[in-house]
Amino acid sequence: METKKTSVKQKYKFKAVVHETDERTFYLKSMLDGTLFPMPTHVFAPNVLVEAKTLTDVDDGATVYCGRILEEAKMLANSRDITLKSYSADEKFQAINSRLTAEGALAILIERLKKSVAESYVFVLGFGRTGAAVTKILCKLDVTTDIATTSSLRPAHAFAKRILPMRDFDFSPYDAVINTVPSAIVSDKQLMSMKKECVYIDLASTPAINLEYARYLGIDAQIYPALPAKACPVSAAKAMYDYIMENRL
C-alpha cells in the first residue's frame, strides 16, 4: 500500500504554470495552489490566442490548457509532443461560460440603461450558445426581446417577441442591442437607424458594427471581450478549475 501511495506521489510532481492575464486567472492560480500534475502544465485564459511563440517556454511533452490557438501553434505542439486541451471543445465549460457572459451582459444593461430593464425593448443578434443564454436570462425578467438568427429555431420562439432574419436590420425601436455574432453583419446604413441613447453591447470576438462610425453617430457602442473574467472572475476561475481537474489525468 505504501509503495502504491509513493508511486502516485511520484507521478504527480509538477505544479501548473498559470499565465495571469486577468482577475479570473489570478483566482485560478490560488485555486490550483498545491495541486500537482503528471506532466509540466501551462494554463492560459480561454480568450488568450496561443501562437507558436507562446509555446517557446513550454517544455516538450507538456500539457497546455487553452481556448484559442493558431494552426501554426498546433503544428508546433504536435511536433514537440505537447498536449493541447481546449475549453472550447468542452460542452459543460462552454455552457457555464455562456451563462456567466449572460449574467455580465445583464449587469451592464442595468448599469447603462436609463430605465428599468424590464421596461426596455432589447434586440439580441444571434441565437447560438451565448445568444440563447442572454435571451433566457432576459426572458426570466419579462424583458420584451427580439432575436435575429440565420434560421427559424423553434426554441427561440419561447423567449422572443419576434424572430427576425439576419439582414435588413432596423434598430429604431430598441432601447438596447446585444450582439453575439462574431462577424461584421451590420452595415453603416443600417446602423444609422439606431437611436443615440440605445445601449449597444458587443459580446463577440469580432464586432457586428463599425464601432468608429457608431461613435461618430453619437452611439455609445462598447465591446466586452472575456466578460466572465470581468463580471464574475471567481465563478469564471472555478469553471476553468473544474475543467482542468476533470482533464488532469
C-alpha atoms as a PDB file:
ATOM      1  CA  MET A   1       0.000   0.000   0.000  1.00  0.00           C
ATOM      2  CA  GLU A   2       2.821   2.390   0.884  1.00  0.00           C
ATOM      3  CA  THR A   3       4.549   1.621  -2.409  1.00  0.00           C
ATOM      4  CA  LYS A   4       1.346   2.466  -4.338  1.00  0.00           C
ATOM      5  CA  LYS A   5       0.966   5.800  -2.489  1.00  0.00           C
ATOM      6  CA  THR A   6       4.592   6.632  -3.219  1.00  0.00           C
ATOM      7  CA  SER A   7       4.205   5.874  -6.934  1.00  0.00           C
ATOM      8  CA  VAL A   8       1.139   8.136  -7.131  1.00  0.00           C
ATOM      9  CA  LYS A   9       3.095  10.964  -5.484  1.00  0.00           C
ATOM     10  CA  GLN A  10       5.932  10.443  -7.944  1.00  0.00           C
ATOM     11  CA  LYS A  11       3.507  10.521 -10.874  1.00  0.00           C
ATOM     12  CA  TYR A  12       2.037  13.882  -9.845  1.00  0.00           C
ATOM     13  CA  LYS A  13       5.028  16.145  -9.272  1.00  0.00           C
ATOM     14  CA  PHE A  14       4.550  19.262 -11.432  1.00  0.00           C
ATOM     15  CA  LYS A  15       2.860  22.495 -10.408  1.00  0.00           C
ATOM     16  CA  ALA A  16       0.829  24.255 -13.077  1.00  0.00           C
ATOM     17  CA  VAL A  17       2.138  27.494 -14.566  1.00  0.00           C
ATOM     18  CA  VAL A  18      -0.859  29.817 -14.736  1.00  0.00           C
ATOM     19  CA  HIS A  19      -0.314  32.674 -17.173  1.00  0.00           C
ATOM     20  CA  GLU A  20      -2.082  35.544 -15.424  1.00  0.00           C
ATOM     21  CA  THR A  21      -3.798  37.912 -17.839  1.00  0.00           C
ATOM     22  CA  ASP A  22      -6.891  38.950 -15.880  1.00  0.00           C
ATOM     23  CA  GLU A  23      -8.592  38.703 -12.495  1.00  0.00           C
ATOM     24  CA  ARG A  24     -10.002  35.303 -13.388  1.00  0.00           C
ATOM     25  CA  THR A  25      -6.533  33.760 -13.800  1.00  0.00           C
ATOM     26  CA  PHE A  26      -5.444  35.432 -10.552  1.00  0.00           C
ATOM     27  CA  TYR A  27      -8.134  33.500  -8.671  1.00  0.00           C
ATOM     28  CA  LEU A  28      -7.416  30.325 -10.650  1.00  0.00           C
ATOM     29  CA  LYS A  29      -3.763  30.422  -9.597  1.00  0.00           C
ATOM     30  CA  SER A  30      -4.894  30.455  -5.975  1.00  0.00           C
ATOM     31  CA  MET A  31      -7.330  27.574  -6.562  1.00  0.00           C
ATOM     32  CA  LEU A  32      -4.593  25.438  -8.141  1.00  0.00           C
ATOM     33  CA  ASP A  33      -2.063  26.193  -5.414  1.00  0.00           C
ATOM     34  CA  GLY A  34      -0.767  22.875  -4.103  1.00  0.00           C
ATOM     35  CA  THR A  35      -2.258  20.845  -6.968  1.00  0.00           C
ATOM     36  CA  LEU A  36       0.258  18.628  -8.767  1.00  0.00           C
ATOM     37  CA  PHE A  37       0.132  17.322 -12.338  1.00  0.00           C
ATOM     38  CA  PRO A  38       1.725  14.295 -14.028  1.00  0.00           C
ATOM     39  CA  MET A  39       3.362  16.454 -16.721  1.00  0.00           C
ATOM     40  CA  PRO A  40       4.624  20.061 -16.949  1.00  0.00           C
ATOM     41  CA  THR A  41       1.417  22.080 -17.280  1.00  0.00           C
ATOM     42  CA  HIS A  42       0.659  25.553 -18.601  1.00  0.00           C
ATOM     43  CA  VAL A  43      -2.720  27.255 -18.247  1.00  0.00           C
ATOM     44  CA  PHE A  44      -3.960  30.133 -20.413  1.00  0.00           C
ATOM     45  CA  ALA A  45      -7.252  32.013 -20.188  1.00  0.00           C
ATOM     46  CA  PRO A  46      -9.893  30.982 -22.770  1.00  0.00           C
ATOM     47  CA  ASN A  47      -9.651  34.314 -24.625  1.00  0.00           C
ATOM     48  CA  VAL A  48      -5.856  34.277 -24.995  1.00  0.00           C
ATOM     49  CA  LEU A  49      -4.697  33.485 -28.522  1.00  0.00           C
ATOM     50  CA  VAL A  50      -1.905  30.926 -28.306  1.00  0.00           C
ATOM     51  CA  GLU A  51       0.672  31.426 -31.067  1.00  0.00           C
ATOM     52  CA  ALA A  52       3.787  29.444 -31.924  1.00  0.00           C
ATOM     53  CA  LYS A  53       5.956  31.903 -29.988  1.00  0.00           C
ATOM     54  CA  THR A  54       3.703  31.399 -26.953  1.00  0.00           C
ATOM     55  CA  LEU A  55       4.977  27.826 -26.727  1.00  0.00           C
ATOM     56  CA  THR A  56       8.640  28.879 -26.605  1.00  0.00           C
ATOM     57  CA  ASP A  57       8.900  28.423 -22.845  1.00  0.00           C
ATOM     58  CA  VAL A  58       6.711  25.312 -22.765  1.00  0.00           C
ATOM     59  CA  ASP A  59       8.556  22.024 -22.205  1.00  0.00           C
ATOM     60  CA  ASP A  60       8.392  19.210 -24.731  1.00  0.00           C
ATOM     61  CA  GLY A  61       5.758  16.701 -23.643  1.00  0.00           C
ATOM     62  CA  ALA A  62       3.886  19.281 -21.570  1.00  0.00           C
ATOM     63  CA  THR A  63       0.139  19.811 -21.330  1.00  0.00           C
ATOM     64  CA  VAL A  64      -1.371  23.174 -22.294  1.00  0.00           C
ATOM     65  CA  TYR A  65      -4.882  24.282 -21.351  1.00  0.00           C
ATOM     66  CA  CYS A  66      -6.168  26.982 -23.685  1.00  0.00           C
ATOM     67  CA  GLY A  67      -9.150  28.287 -25.624  1.00  0.00           C
ATOM     68  CA  ARG A  68      -7.840  29.803 -28.842  1.00  0.00           C
ATOM     69  CA  ILE A  69      -4.826  28.513 -30.732  1.00  0.00           C
ATOM     70  CA  LEU A  70      -3.401  29.237 -34.179  1.00  0.00           C
ATOM     71  CA  GLU A  71      -2.840  26.400 -36.644  1.00  0.00           C
ATOM     72  CA  GLU A  72       0.928  27.003 -36.648  1.00  0.00           C
ATOM     73  CA  ALA A  73       0.936  26.563 -32.874  1.00  0.00           C
ATOM     74  CA  LYS A  74      -0.996  23.296 -33.219  1.00  0.00           C
ATOM     75  CA  MET A  75       1.589  22.012 -35.677  1.00  0.00           C
ATOM     76  CA  LEU A  76       4.451  23.021 -33.381  1.00  0.00           C
ATOM     77  CA  ALA A  77       2.750  21.412 -30.395  1.00  0.00           C
ATOM     78  CA  ASN A  78       2.316  18.175 -32.342  1.00  0.00           C
ATOM     79  CA  SER A  79       5.986  18.135 -33.340  1.00  0.00           C
ATOM     80  CA  ARG A  80       7.059  18.607 -29.711  1.00  0.00           C
ATOM     81  CA  ASP A  81       4.563  16.147 -28.207  1.00  0.00           C
ATOM     82  CA  ILE A  82       2.716  18.953 -26.389  1.00  0.00           C
ATOM     83  CA  THR A  83      -0.862  18.008 -25.483  1.00  0.00           C
ATOM     84  CA  LEU A  84      -3.430  20.755 -26.111  1.00  0.00           C
ATOM     85  CA  LYS A  85      -6.617  20.685 -24.051  1.00  0.00           C
ATOM     86  CA  SER A  86      -9.216  23.185 -25.236  1.00  0.00           C
ATOM     87  CA  TYR A  87     -12.002  24.688 -23.136  1.00  0.00           C
ATOM     88  CA  SER A  88     -13.913  25.396 -26.348  1.00  0.00           C
ATOM     89  CA  ALA A  89     -14.242  21.657 -27.040  1.00  0.00           C
ATOM     90  CA  ASP A  90     -15.968  21.040 -23.713  1.00  0.00           C
ATOM     91  CA  GLU A  91     -19.752  21.489 -23.739  1.00  0.00           C
ATOM     92  CA  LYS A  92     -20.032  21.799 -19.963  1.00  0.00           C
ATOM     93  CA  PHE A  93     -17.432  24.560 -19.790  1.00  0.00           C
ATOM     94  CA  GLN A  94     -18.984  26.406 -22.728  1.00  0.00           C
ATOM     95  CA  ALA A  95     -22.456  26.277 -21.156  1.00  0.00           C
ATOM     96  CA  ILE A  96     -21.161  27.719 -17.874  1.00  0.00           C
ATOM     97  CA  ASN A  97     -19.114  30.377 -19.673  1.00  0.00           C
ATOM     98  CA  SER A  98     -22.157  31.423 -21.723  1.00  0.00           C
ATOM     99  CA  ARG A  99     -24.279  31.721 -18.578  1.00  0.00           C
ATOM    100  CA  LEU A 100     -21.643  33.882 -16.904  1.00  0.00           C
ATOM    101  CA  THR A 101     -21.439  36.027 -20.038  1.00  0.00           C
ATOM    102  CA  ALA A 102     -25.216  36.459 -19.987  1.00  0.00           C
ATOM    103  CA  GLU A 103     -25.151  37.491 -16.320  1.00  0.00           C
ATOM    104  CA  GLY A 104     -22.423  40.009 -17.123  1.00  0.00           C
ATOM    105  CA  ALA A 105     -24.451  41.412 -20.019  1.00  0.00           C
ATOM    106  CA  LEU A 106     -27.437  41.830 -17.713  1.00  0.00           C
ATOM    107  CA  ALA A 107     -25.294  43.713 -15.197  1.00  0.00           C
ATOM    108  CA  ILE A 108     -24.131  46.050 -17.982  1.00  0.00           C
ATOM    109  CA  LEU A 109     -27.721  46.653 -19.084  1.00  0.00           C
ATOM    110  CA  ILE A 110     -28.758  47.534 -15.537  1.00  0.00           C
ATOM    111  CA  GLU A 111     -25.829  49.931 -15.224  1.00  0.00           C
ATOM    112  CA  ARG A 112     -26.147  51.641 -18.618  1.00  0.00           C
ATOM    113  CA  LEU A 113     -29.894  51.783 -19.272  1.00  0.00           C
ATOM    114  CA  LYS A 114     -31.702  54.875 -18.066  1.00  0.00           C
ATOM    115  CA  LYS A 115     -34.825  52.895 -17.252  1.00  0.00           C
ATOM    116  CA  SER A 116     -35.758  49.519 -15.854  1.00  0.00           C
ATOM    117  CA  VAL A 117     -34.505  46.541 -17.829  1.00  0.00           C
ATOM    118  CA  ALA A 118     -37.975  45.008 -17.545  1.00  0.00           C
ATOM    119  CA  GLU A 119     -39.437  48.069 -19.285  1.00  0.00           C
ATOM    120  CA  SER A 120     -36.898  48.001 -22.110  1.00  0.00           C
ATOM    121  CA  TYR A 121     -37.088  46.605 -25.626  1.00  0.00           C
ATOM    122  CA  VAL A 122     -33.965  44.545 -26.402  1.00  0.00           C
ATOM    123  CA  PHE A 123     -32.664  43.129 -29.677  1.00  0.00           C
ATOM    124  CA  VAL A 124     -30.315  40.110 -29.476  1.00  0.00           C
ATOM    125  CA  LEU A 125     -28.251  39.302 -32.556  1.00  0.00           C
ATOM    126  CA  GLY A 126     -27.588  35.579 -32.774  1.00  0.00           C
ATOM    127  CA  PHE A 127     -29.083  32.560 -31.044  1.00  0.00           C
ATOM    128  CA  GLY A 128     -26.072  30.370 -30.553  1.00  0.00           C
ATOM    129  CA  ARG A 129     -24.882  29.278 -27.124  1.00  0.00           C
ATOM    130  CA  THR A 130     -24.287  32.818 -25.822  1.00  0.00           C
ATOM    131  CA  GLY A 131     -27.266  34.375 -27.590  1.00  0.00           C
ATOM    132  CA  ALA A 132     -29.560  31.743 -26.117  1.00  0.00           C
ATOM    133  CA  ALA A 133     -28.157  32.286 -22.613  1.00  0.00           C
ATOM    134  CA  VAL A 134     -28.655  36.055 -22.895  1.00  0.00           C
ATOM    135  CA  THR A 135     -32.193  35.673 -24.200  1.00  0.00           C
ATOM    136  CA  LYS A 136     -33.176  33.196 -21.492  1.00  0.00           C
ATOM    137  CA  ILE A 137     -31.995  35.456 -18.686  1.00  0.00           C
ATOM    138  CA  LEU A 138     -33.891  38.401 -20.209  1.00  0.00           C
ATOM    139  CA  CYS A 139     -36.996  36.238 -20.530  1.00  0.00           C
ATOM    140  CA  LYS A 140     -36.902  35.494 -16.800  1.00  0.00           C
ATOM    141  CA  LEU A 141     -37.187  39.239 -16.175  1.00  0.00           C
ATOM    142  CA  ASP A 142     -40.077  39.558 -18.665  1.00  0.00           C
ATOM    143  CA  VAL A 143     -37.977  41.759 -20.955  1.00  0.00           C
ATOM    144  CA  THR A 144     -39.507  42.261 -24.402  1.00  0.00           C
ATOM    145  CA  THR A 145     -36.922  40.733 -26.703  1.00  0.00           C
ATOM    146  CA  ASP A 146     -36.457  40.204 -30.431  1.00  0.00           C
ATOM    147  CA  ILE A 147     -33.918  37.733 -31.804  1.00  0.00           C
ATOM    148  CA  ALA A 148     -32.106  37.830 -35.127  1.00  0.00           C
ATOM    149  CA  THR A 149     -30.962  34.433 -36.314  1.00  0.00           C
ATOM    150  CA  THR A 150     -29.912  32.752 -39.545  1.00  0.00           C
ATOM    151  CA  SER A 151     -32.597  30.111 -39.215  1.00  0.00           C
ATOM    152  CA  SER A 152     -36.010  29.819 -37.651  1.00  0.00           C
ATOM    153  CA  LEU A 153     -35.089  27.948 -34.487  1.00  0.00           C
ATOM    154  CA  ARG A 154     -38.089  26.616 -32.629  1.00  0.00           C
ATOM    155  CA  PRO A 155     -36.549  27.091 -29.140  1.00  0.00           C
ATOM    156  CA  ALA A 156     -36.039  30.802 -29.864  1.00  0.00           C
ATOM    157  CA  HIS A 157     -39.788  31.369 -30.148  1.00  0.00           C
ATOM    158  CA  ALA A 158     -40.222  30.533 -26.471  1.00  0.00           C
ATOM    159  CA  PHE A 159     -38.083  33.500 -25.440  1.00  0.00           C
ATOM    160  CA  ALA A 160     -38.725  36.192 -28.029  1.00  0.00           C
ATOM    161  CA  LYS A 161     -41.466  38.517 -29.173  1.00  0.00           C
ATOM    162  CA  ARG A 162     -40.231  38.235 -32.760  1.00  0.00           C
ATOM    163  CA  ILE A 163     -37.713  36.088 -34.645  1.00  0.00           C
ATOM    164  CA  LEU A 164     -36.092  38.162 -37.375  1.00  0.00           C
ATOM    165  CA  PRO A 165     -33.735  37.307 -40.247  1.00  0.00           C
ATOM    166  CA  MET A 166     -30.059  38.219 -40.004  1.00  0.00           C
ATOM    167  CA  ARG A 167     -30.394  41.057 -42.538  1.00  0.00           C
ATOM    168  CA  ASP A 168     -32.146  44.382 -43.224  1.00  0.00           C
ATOM    169  CA  PHE A 169     -31.791  45.483 -39.602  1.00  0.00           C
ATOM    170  CA  ASP A 170     -33.990  48.283 -38.312  1.00  0.00           C
ATOM    171  CA  PHE A 171     -32.739  49.254 -34.858  1.00  0.00           C
ATOM    172  CA  SER A 172     -35.071  52.212 -34.320  1.00  0.00           C
ATOM    173  CA  PRO A 173     -37.480  50.502 -31.844  1.00  0.00           C
ATOM    174  CA  TYR A 174     -34.825  49.229 -29.439  1.00  0.00           C
ATOM    175  CA  ASP A 175     -33.504  50.514 -26.138  1.00  0.00           C
ATOM    176  CA  ALA A 176     -30.613  48.041 -26.239  1.00  0.00           C
ATOM    177  CA  VAL A 177     -28.880  45.815 -28.777  1.00  0.00           C
ATOM    178  CA  ILE A 178     -26.735  42.852 -27.734  1.00  0.00           C
ATOM    179  CA  ASN A 179     -24.566  41.179 -30.354  1.00  0.00           C
ATOM    180  CA  THR A 180     -23.276  37.615 -30.038  1.00  0.00           C
ATOM    181  CA  VAL A 181     -22.360  37.020 -33.707  1.00  0.00           C
ATOM    182  CA  PRO A 182     -18.580  37.152 -34.376  1.00  0.00           C
ATOM    183  CA  SER A 183     -18.915  38.853 -37.747  1.00  0.00           C
ATOM    184  CA  ALA A 184     -19.439  42.357 -39.176  1.00  0.00           C
ATOM    185  CA  ILE A 185     -23.087  41.816 -40.141  1.00  0.00           C
ATOM    186  CA  VAL A 186     -24.447  45.368 -39.751  1.00  0.00           C
ATOM    187  CA  SER A 187     -23.892  47.963 -42.483  1.00  0.00           C
ATOM    188  CA  ASP A 188     -23.250  51.632 -41.735  1.00  0.00           C
ATOM    189  CA  LYS A 189     -26.584  52.476 -43.362  1.00  0.00           C
ATOM    190  CA  GLN A 190     -28.430  50.085 -41.049  1.00  0.00           C
ATOM    191  CA  LEU A 191     -26.519  51.464 -38.077  1.00  0.00           C
ATOM    192  CA  MET A 192     -27.987  54.907 -38.779  1.00  0.00           C
ATOM    193  CA  SER A 193     -31.394  53.606 -37.652  1.00  0.00           C
ATOM    194  CA  MET A 194     -30.091  53.099 -34.092  1.00  0.00           C
ATOM    195  CA  LYS A 195     -31.114  55.714 -31.510  1.00  0.00           C
ATOM    196  CA  LYS A 196     -28.277  57.675 -29.900  1.00  0.00           C
ATOM    197  CA  GLU A 197     -29.479  56.637 -26.461  1.00  0.00           C
ATOM    198  CA  CYS A 198     -29.532  52.957 -27.442  1.00  0.00           C
ATOM    199  CA  VAL A 199     -27.222  50.775 -25.346  1.00  0.00           C
ATOM    200  CA  TYR A 200     -25.069  48.680 -27.669  1.00  0.00           C
ATOM    201  CA  ILE A 201     -23.254  45.708 -26.125  1.00  0.00           C
ATOM    202  CA  ASP A 202     -20.975  43.513 -28.229  1.00  0.00           C
ATOM    203  CA  LEU A 203     -20.067  40.155 -26.697  1.00  0.00           C
ATOM    204  CA  ALA A 204     -18.473  38.618 -29.790  1.00  0.00           C
ATOM    205  CA  SER A 205     -14.803  38.295 -30.665  1.00  0.00           C
ATOM    206  CA  THR A 206     -15.455  40.394 -33.788  1.00  0.00           C
ATOM    207  CA  PRO A 207     -17.871  43.363 -33.524  1.00  0.00           C
ATOM    208  CA  ALA A 208     -21.038  43.279 -35.634  1.00  0.00           C
ATOM    209  CA  ILE A 209     -20.871  47.023 -36.323  1.00  0.00           C
ATOM    210  CA  ASN A 210     -18.359  49.668 -37.313  1.00  0.00           C
ATOM    211  CA  LEU A 211     -17.522  50.940 -33.828  1.00  0.00           C
ATOM    212  CA  GLU A 212     -15.853  54.130 -35.032  1.00  0.00           C
ATOM    213  CA  TYR A 213     -18.849  55.066 -37.173  1.00  0.00           C
ATOM    214  CA  ALA A 214     -21.225  54.256 -34.330  1.00  0.00           C
ATOM    215  CA  ARG A 215     -19.366  56.637 -32.048  1.00  0.00           C
ATOM    216  CA  TYR A 216     -19.352  59.243 -34.826  1.00  0.00           C
ATOM    217  CA  LEU A 217     -23.152  58.947 -34.827  1.00  0.00           C
ATOM    218  CA  GLY A 218     -23.152  59.534 -31.073  1.00  0.00           C
ATOM    219  CA  ILE A 219     -23.953  55.934 -30.132  1.00  0.00           C
ATOM    220  CA  ASP A 220     -22.178  54.666 -27.027  1.00  0.00           C
ATOM    221  CA  ALA A 221     -21.120  51.352 -28.558  1.00  0.00           C
ATOM    222  CA  GLN A 222     -18.933  49.154 -26.361  1.00  0.00           C
ATOM    223  CA  ILE A 223     -17.295  45.761 -26.765  1.00  0.00           C
ATOM    224  CA  TYR A 224     -16.898  43.389 -23.842  1.00  0.00           C
ATOM    225  CA  PRO A 225     -14.380  40.619 -24.590  1.00  0.00           C
ATOM    226  CA  ALA A 226     -13.832  37.967 -21.921  1.00  0.00           C
ATOM    227  CA  LEU A 227     -16.807  39.292 -19.962  1.00  0.00           C
ATOM    228  CA  PRO A 228     -16.912  36.440 -17.391  1.00  0.00           C
ATOM    229  CA  ALA A 229     -13.397  37.427 -16.260  1.00  0.00           C
ATOM    230  CA  LYS A 230     -14.611  40.964 -15.557  1.00  0.00           C
ATOM    231  CA  ALA A 231     -18.162  40.384 -14.318  1.00  0.00           C
ATOM    232  CA  CYS A 232     -17.699  37.286 -12.139  1.00  0.00           C
ATOM    233  CA  PRO A 233     -13.999  36.341 -12.027  1.00  0.00           C
ATOM    234  CA  VAL A 234     -14.289  33.860  -9.155  1.00  0.00           C
ATOM    235  CA  SER A 235     -17.014  31.863 -10.919  1.00  0.00           C
ATOM    236  CA  ALA A 236     -15.097  32.073 -14.211  1.00  0.00           C
ATOM    237  CA  ALA A 237     -11.978  30.783 -12.453  1.00  0.00           C
ATOM    238  CA  LYS A 238     -13.972  27.937 -10.879  1.00  0.00           C
ATOM    239  CA  ALA A 239     -15.222  26.875 -14.336  1.00  0.00           C
ATOM    240  CA  MET A 240     -11.620  26.719 -15.558  1.00  0.00           C
ATOM    241  CA  TYR A 241     -10.529  24.879 -12.405  1.00  0.00           C
ATOM    242  CA  ASP A 242     -13.258  22.240 -12.783  1.00  0.00           C
ATOM    243  CA  TYR A 243     -12.343  21.635 -16.426  1.00  0.00           C
ATOM    244  CA  ILE A 244      -8.652  21.328 -15.599  1.00  0.00           C
ATOM    245  CA  MET A 245      -9.226  18.917 -12.710  1.00  0.00           C
ATOM    246  CA  GLU A 246     -11.554  16.757 -14.797  1.00  0.00           C
ATOM    247  CA  ASN A 247      -8.887  16.511 -17.517  1.00  0.00           C
ATOM    248  CA  ARG A 248      -5.784  16.326 -15.327  1.00  0.00           C
ATOM    249  CA  LEU A 249      -5.028  12.608 -15.817  1.00  0.00           C
END
